[in-house]
Protein backbone atom coordinates (compact mmCIF):
# COMPACT_ATOMS: atom_id res chain seq x y z
CA MET A 1 130.98 118.92 89.17
CA ILE A 2 133.66 115.92 88.17
CA GLY A 3 134.26 115.09 91.43
CA PHE A 4 130.46 114.96 92.36
CA CYS A 5 129.71 112.72 89.03
CA LYS A 6 132.66 110.20 90.25
CA ASP A 7 131.16 110.03 93.58
CA ILE A 8 127.75 109.21 92.11
CA ARG A 9 129.60 106.39 89.85
CA LYS A 10 131.15 104.93 93.19
CA ASP A 11 127.57 104.84 94.71
CA ILE A 12 126.30 102.96 91.71
CA LEU A 13 129.24 100.43 91.59
CA ARG A 14 128.73 99.79 95.44
CA ILE A 15 125.14 99.40 95.42
CA ALA A 16 124.82 97.23 92.24
CA LYS A 17 127.59 95.04 93.93
CA GLU A 18 125.75 94.84 97.22
CA SER A 19 122.55 94.27 95.58
CA GLY A 20 123.29 92.06 92.34
CA HIS A 21 121.09 94.30 90.35
CA GLY A 22 121.92 97.33 88.42
CA HIS A 23 122.65 98.21 84.69
CA ILE A 24 125.90 99.70 85.41
CA PRO A 25 127.17 100.82 81.76
CA THR A 26 123.61 102.31 81.01
CA CYS A 27 123.66 104.18 84.45
CA PHE A 28 127.32 105.44 83.81
CA SER A 29 126.55 106.85 80.53
CA ILE A 30 123.84 109.20 81.72
CA VAL A 31 125.38 110.49 85.07
CA GLU A 32 126.38 113.94 83.73
CA ILE A 33 123.08 114.46 82.20
CA LEU A 34 121.45 113.89 84.96
CA CYS A 35 123.36 116.09 87.00
CA ALA A 36 122.80 118.80 84.63
CA VAL A 37 119.13 118.28 84.51
CA TYR A 38 118.93 118.60 88.19
CA ASP A 39 121.13 121.84 88.15
CA THR A 40 119.00 123.68 85.69
CA ILE A 41 115.58 122.48 86.39
CA ARG A 42 113.25 123.90 89.56
CA HIS A 43 112.95 121.42 92.29
CA ASP A 44 112.72 121.27 95.89
CA PRO A 45 114.03 117.92 97.75
CA GLY A 46 112.31 119.18 100.74
CA HIS A 47 108.99 119.59 98.87
CA PRO A 48 108.91 116.82 96.35
CA SER A 49 105.54 117.71 94.94
CA TRP A 50 106.06 121.65 94.80
CA ASP A 51 103.36 123.33 92.56
CA GLU A 52 106.00 125.14 90.49
CA ARG A 53 108.57 122.29 89.87
CA ASP A 54 109.71 121.25 86.70
CA ILE A 55 109.07 117.56 85.59
CA PHE A 56 111.79 115.01 84.77
CA VAL A 57 110.96 111.72 83.21
CA LEU A 58 113.69 108.79 83.03
CA SER A 59 112.24 107.09 79.73
CA LYS A 60 115.11 104.83 79.75
CA GLY A 61 113.93 103.23 83.21
CA HIS A 62 116.88 100.57 83.13
CA GLY A 63 119.25 103.35 84.33
CA SER A 64 117.10 103.81 87.57
CA LEU A 65 119.82 103.28 89.72
CA ALA A 66 121.98 106.22 88.42
CA HIS A 67 118.63 108.37 88.74
CA TYR A 68 118.31 107.18 92.78
CA CYS A 69 122.01 107.86 93.36
CA VAL A 70 121.49 111.39 91.82
CA LEU A 71 118.23 112.19 93.83
CA ALA A 72 120.04 110.84 97.04
CA ARG A 73 123.14 113.30 96.54
CA HIS A 74 120.52 116.09 95.99
CA GLY A 75 118.61 115.50 99.37
CA TYR A 76 115.47 113.50 98.17
CA PHE A 77 116.19 110.69 100.60
CA GLY A 78 119.31 109.39 102.32
CA ILE A 79 121.93 107.52 100.13
CA ASP A 80 121.64 104.38 102.94
CA GLU A 81 118.21 103.82 102.09
CA LEU A 82 119.38 102.60 98.65
CA SER A 83 120.93 99.62 100.39
CA SER A 84 117.50 97.90 99.76
CA PHE A 85 117.81 98.32 96.07
CA GLY A 86 116.10 95.57 94.20
CA ALA A 87 115.35 93.52 97.47
CA PHE A 88 111.87 91.81 97.82
CA MET A 89 109.17 94.23 98.90
CA SER A 90 111.88 97.37 98.61
CA ASP A 91 110.33 100.83 97.41
CA PHE A 92 113.64 101.23 95.37
CA GLY A 93 112.91 98.76 92.39
CA CYS A 94 114.96 98.27 89.37
CA HIS A 95 112.53 100.04 87.84
CA ALA A 96 111.25 103.47 89.67
CA ASP A 97 107.69 103.71 91.06
CA ARG A 98 106.40 107.17 91.19
CA PHE A 99 103.99 106.18 94.23
CA LYS A 100 106.82 105.11 96.40
CA ILE A 101 109.88 107.39 95.83
CA PRO A 102 109.94 111.13 96.26
CA GLY A 103 111.08 112.83 93.05
CA ILE A 104 109.92 110.22 90.77
CA GLU A 105 107.45 111.61 88.47
CA ALA A 106 106.55 108.85 86.17
CA SER A 107 106.94 104.57 86.63
CA THR A 108 108.87 103.83 83.64
CA GLY A 109 111.07 100.81 82.20
CA SER A 110 108.95 99.65 78.96
CA LEU A 111 110.92 101.10 76.04
CA GLY A 112 109.40 104.07 74.29
CA HIS A 113 106.57 104.66 77.15
CA GLY A 114 108.09 107.54 79.29
CA ILE A 115 108.74 109.88 76.52
CA GLY A 116 104.64 109.47 75.46
CA LEU A 117 104.14 110.43 79.24
CA ALA A 118 106.50 113.36 79.02
CA VAL A 119 104.43 114.74 76.09
CA GLY A 120 101.12 114.52 78.18
CA MET A 121 102.75 116.26 80.83
CA ALA A 122 103.96 118.94 78.75
CA LEU A 123 100.85 119.26 77.04
CA GLY A 124 98.79 119.45 80.47
CA LEU A 125 101.17 122.06 81.50
CA LYS A 126 100.94 123.97 78.60
CA ILE A 127 96.84 124.08 78.63
CA ARG A 128 97.21 125.42 82.08
CA LYS A 129 99.44 128.45 80.87
CA THR A 130 102.42 127.70 83.53
CA ALA A 131 106.13 128.26 82.86
CA ARG A 132 106.80 124.70 84.06
CA ARG A 133 109.02 122.47 81.81
CA VAL A 134 109.42 119.05 81.11
CA VAL A 135 112.62 117.09 80.47
CA THR A 136 112.95 113.59 79.50
CA ILE A 137 115.81 110.86 78.90
CA ILE A 138 115.53 108.58 76.00
CA GLY A 139 118.11 105.83 75.10
CA ASP A 140 119.34 105.60 71.56
CA GLY A 141 118.19 101.40 71.72
CA GLU A 142 114.82 102.79 73.06
CA ALA A 143 114.14 104.90 69.96
CA ASN A 144 114.03 101.74 67.76
CA GLU A 145 110.49 101.92 69.12
CA GLY A 146 108.04 103.71 67.13
CA SER A 147 106.16 105.35 70.21
CA VAL A 148 109.28 107.74 70.39
CA TRP A 149 108.85 109.11 66.91
CA GLU A 150 104.97 109.17 67.05
CA ALA A 151 105.60 111.00 70.51
CA ALA A 152 107.96 113.43 68.67
CA LEU A 153 105.68 113.92 65.84
CA VAL A 154 102.66 114.92 68.44
CA ALA A 155 104.72 117.06 70.54
CA ASP A 156 105.84 119.14 67.44
CA ASN A 157 102.38 119.19 66.07
CA LEU A 158 101.19 120.53 69.48
CA ASN A 159 104.06 123.36 69.49
CA LEU A 160 105.27 121.73 73.04
CA ASP A 161 108.27 124.43 73.32
CA ASN A 162 107.96 123.43 77.06
CA LEU A 163 109.51 119.90 76.21
CA THR A 164 113.10 119.10 76.22
CA ILE A 165 114.10 115.59 74.70
CA ILE A 166 117.50 114.28 75.64
CA TYR A 167 118.69 111.65 73.41
CA ASP A 168 121.38 109.45 74.94
CA ASP A 169 123.53 108.46 72.18
CA ASN A 170 125.46 105.85 73.75
CA ARG A 171 125.90 103.56 70.88
CA SER A 172 123.83 100.71 72.83
CA HIS A 173 121.89 99.84 69.78
CA ALA A 174 124.96 99.11 67.81
CA ARG A 175 123.65 95.20 67.52
CA GLY A 176 120.15 96.41 66.49
CA LEU A 177 118.74 98.44 64.04
CA GLN A 178 120.69 101.40 63.40
CA ILE A 179 119.63 105.08 64.03
CA VAL A 180 122.23 107.20 61.81
CA ASN A 181 122.40 110.78 62.54
CA PRO A 182 119.75 111.35 65.12
CA ALA A 183 119.97 115.21 65.26
CA GLU A 184 118.87 115.02 61.44
CA LYS A 185 115.82 112.69 62.27
CA PHE A 186 114.90 114.94 65.47
CA ALA A 187 115.04 117.91 63.01
CA ALA A 188 112.97 116.20 60.33
CA PHE A 189 110.29 115.65 62.90
CA GLY A 190 110.59 119.44 63.86
CA CYS A 191 112.58 119.96 66.66
CA HIS A 192 115.15 122.38 67.62
CA VAL A 193 117.94 120.21 67.66
CA THR A 194 121.48 120.53 69.55
CA GLU A 195 124.49 118.31 69.73
CA VAL A 196 126.65 118.01 72.72
CA GLN A 197 129.34 115.96 74.34
CA GLY A 198 127.26 114.11 76.90
CA HIS A 199 129.68 113.99 79.76
CA ASP A 200 130.34 117.46 79.83
CA THR A 201 127.93 118.81 82.36
CA ALA A 202 128.54 122.60 81.51
CA ALA A 203 127.67 121.87 77.84
CA ILE A 204 124.70 120.04 78.58
CA SER A 205 123.29 122.70 81.14
CA LYS A 206 124.07 125.23 78.52
CA ALA A 207 121.56 123.66 75.97
CA LEU A 208 118.92 122.63 78.65
CA ARG A 209 119.07 126.31 79.19
CA SER A 210 118.96 127.68 75.89
CA GLU A 211 115.57 129.19 74.51
CA SER A 212 113.43 128.01 71.71
CA ASN A 213 110.10 128.29 70.37
CA ARG A 214 110.03 124.63 69.46
CA VAL A 215 110.33 121.04 71.27
CA LYS A 216 114.26 120.81 71.97
CA ALA A 217 115.93 117.66 71.44
CA ILE A 218 119.61 117.79 72.85
CA ILE A 219 121.64 114.53 71.53
CA ALA A 220 124.00 113.95 73.88
CA HIS A 221 127.01 111.62 72.43
CA THR A 222 128.07 109.33 75.42
CA ARG A 223 130.20 106.26 75.99
CA LYS A 224 128.53 102.98 77.66
CA GLY A 225 130.36 102.72 80.86
CA TYR A 226 131.99 105.73 80.78
CA GLY A 227 134.39 106.20 83.73
CA CYS A 228 135.43 102.56 83.57
CA ARG A 229 137.85 101.29 81.02
CA THR A 230 136.63 97.55 81.51
CA LEU A 231 133.01 98.81 81.14
CA ILE A 232 133.51 100.38 77.79
CA GLU A 233 135.41 97.70 76.17
CA ASN A 234 133.09 94.88 77.20
CA GLN A 235 129.73 96.53 77.62
CA TYR A 236 127.82 93.56 76.36
CA GLU A 237 129.20 91.29 78.91
CA TRP A 238 128.37 93.93 81.79
CA HIS A 239 124.83 94.86 80.34
CA ARG A 240 123.21 93.36 83.59
CA LYS A 241 126.34 92.10 85.51
CA SER A 242 127.01 92.87 89.29
CA PRO A 243 130.74 92.71 89.80
CA ASN A 244 132.37 90.49 92.56
CA ASP A 245 134.98 91.49 94.78
CA LYS A 246 137.79 91.53 92.58
CA GLU A 247 136.11 93.11 89.79
CA TYR A 248 134.54 96.10 92.18
CA ARG A 249 138.21 96.82 93.33
CA LEU A 250 139.16 96.99 89.34
CA LEU A 251 136.32 98.94 88.89
CA LEU A 252 137.14 101.56 91.44
CA GLU A 253 140.65 101.89 90.43
CA GLU A 254 139.53 102.52 86.83
CA LEU A 255 137.41 105.38 88.18
CA ASP A 256 140.12 107.00 90.18
CA GLU A 257 142.41 107.01 87.05
CA GLU A 258 142.83 110.34 85.35
CA ALA A 259 142.32 109.10 81.76
CA VAL A 260 139.04 107.36 80.62
């Protein structure tokens, strides 16, 4: 799985360089989370609308390029199709469009929006008495939005034990309103909380597979830009930056180093 995640990061770098788009550090922080999600949920790349599939919602829509690359690696579409990422009239926008991309369940990007959609989907599945589940990834900066906590409160009130919220704790909100001890806060909102190392796919998968009779919240402790020292140490410079030829070579070299 380590090599698989590294290949995805290389895909992200290459596409970001070619397109001039992409929130690379944000994408890098959720690669292992996405891989664990698609390793545990029920889905069928050959039939993206399969009636028995589980639902995944990327609430932190700025990580769309990572999501695209993971979907491509699972066979939802060819990786070469991503060469048009961010281009005029491309299906692969900087924020994913559920009407254009197989495997995308919700069009997100407005912060605090996706988790509310996930709660509604989980409620709908609950009413239908199906075993299908809903998983959503939210960002720590996104969690400054009140709608995140309103959604969590509603989910607990409705006893949506088919919903899992993954909180990407990559410290991207360090210059904003601080959310101290998110595990404690989600527990206060009624969630069953698990904390994991967010770059350990086995730990994330174990948490996703665990049973609970409450809403599950997984606090994934990650590093923004994980995999490249340059991105980690200069995350604000690289928040929206695309690499030039020299920077691209440097980042690839750092990805291939053993120590991160």
